[in-house]
Amino acid sequence: MEEKSGKSLTATKEEFHIHDENELGKPFRKGDVVDAVVVMPGRYPGEVYAAAEGRAINVQVPGASEPVGKRVRVTIVRDKHNIFKGVVGKR
């Protein structure tokens, strides 16, 4: 088909204006315990988003949800691809 039409059928990075960037450093590792501030409720019950060291952390809260503005101690349980997930009260 490419030979018939004379056009490429696969897209390139340049066509979508995509360029490579340096990856951000990871301030947390799995198992770290950090103090964070709850900034907003999550999408699901028992979930909130917290902030620490300039990063957002998806936090699971056993039982009820934490109020916005409260400081919580979070254990990081996952840190893949600079997406951080944590749990309140787990050690």
Protein backbone atom coordinates (compact mmCIF):
# COMPACT_ATOMS: atom_id res chain seq x y z
CA MET A 1 0.00 0.00 0.00
CA GLU A 2 2.87 2.37 0.76
CA GLU A 3 4.35 1.78 -2.68
CA LYS A 4 1.00 2.35 -4.42
CA SER A 5 0.13 5.55 -2.57
CA GLY A 6 3.65 6.90 -2.15
CA LYS A 7 2.90 7.75 1.48
CA SER A 8 4.12 6.18 4.69
CA LEU A 9 1.46 4.29 6.64
CA THR A 10 3.35 4.45 9.94
CA ALA A 11 3.50 7.63 11.98
CA THR A 12 6.77 9.12 13.19
CA LYS A 13 7.54 11.10 16.34
CA GLU A 14 8.05 14.24 14.28
CA GLU A 15 4.53 14.10 12.84
CA PHE A 16 3.06 14.28 16.35
CA HIS A 17 5.70 16.75 17.66
CA ILE A 18 6.97 14.22 20.21
CA HIS A 19 10.45 14.72 21.60
CA ASP A 20 12.41 12.83 24.24
CA GLU A 21 12.85 14.33 27.70
CA ASN A 22 14.93 13.34 30.69
CA GLU A 23 13.06 11.23 33.23
CA LEU A 24 12.32 12.84 36.58
CA GLY A 25 14.13 11.45 39.60
CA LYS A 26 12.20 9.27 42.03
CA PRO A 27 12.03 10.87 45.49
CA PHE A 28 10.45 7.73 47.01
CA ARG A 29 11.09 4.01 46.86
CA LYS A 30 8.87 1.09 47.73
CA GLY A 31 8.78 0.68 51.51
CA ASP A 32 9.57 4.34 52.33
CA VAL A 33 7.44 6.01 54.99
CA VAL A 34 6.70 9.68 54.21
CA ASP A 35 4.64 12.46 55.75
CA ALA A 36 2.15 13.84 53.24
CA VAL A 37 -0.79 16.26 53.14
CA VAL A 38 -4.15 15.11 51.78
CA VAL A 39 -5.04 17.42 48.88
CA MET A 40 -8.21 15.90 47.41
CA PRO A 41 -10.54 12.91 47.66
CA GLY A 42 -9.95 10.03 45.29
CA ARG A 43 -12.18 8.57 42.66
CA TYR A 44 -13.17 5.57 44.77
CA PRO A 45 -14.23 5.26 48.43
CA GLY A 46 -11.28 4.87 50.76
CA GLU A 47 -8.91 6.63 48.35
CA VAL A 48 -7.31 10.09 48.57
CA TYR A 49 -4.52 11.97 46.83
CA ALA A 50 -1.75 13.36 48.98
CA ALA A 51 1.30 15.51 48.23
CA ALA A 52 4.86 15.17 49.52
CA GLU A 53 8.15 16.53 48.16
CA GLY A 54 6.39 18.04 45.15
CA ARG A 55 4.83 14.75 44.03
CA ALA A 56 1.31 13.33 44.14
CA ILE A 57 0.67 10.02 45.88
CA ASN A 58 -2.44 7.88 45.39
CA VAL A 59 -3.24 6.73 48.95
CA GLN A 60 -5.52 3.92 50.09
CA VAL A 61 -7.11 4.67 53.46
CA PRO A 62 -8.47 1.66 55.36
CA GLY A 63 -11.95 2.38 56.67
CA ALA A 64 -13.09 5.96 56.11
CA SER A 65 -11.51 8.67 54.00
CA GLU A 66 -9.17 11.32 55.41
CA PRO A 67 -10.22 15.00 55.35
CA VAL A 68 -8.50 17.44 52.97
CA GLY A 69 -5.61 19.27 54.62
CA LYS A 70 -4.81 16.53 57.15
CA ARG A 71 -1.22 15.32 57.48
CA VAL A 72 -0.89 11.56 57.14
CA ARG A 73 1.97 9.09 57.39
CA VAL A 74 2.06 7.05 54.18
CA THR A 75 3.95 3.87 53.38
CA ILE A 76 4.85 3.67 49.68
CA VAL A 77 3.75 0.29 48.29
CA ARG A 78 4.41 0.93 44.58
CA ASP A 79 6.69 3.32 42.66
CA LYS A 80 6.55 2.19 39.05
CA HIS A 81 7.00 4.74 36.19
CA ASN A 82 7.02 7.69 38.64
CA ILE A 83 3.48 6.86 39.76
CA PHE A 84 3.39 6.47 43.52
CA LYS A 85 0.83 4.46 45.48
CA GLY A 86 0.73 4.29 49.23
CA VAL A 87 -1.25 3.08 52.22
CA VAL A 88 -1.99 4.91 55.46
CA GLY A 89 -1.09 3.05 58.63
CA LYS A 90 0.81 0.14 57.04
CA ARG A 91 4.41 -0.57 58.01
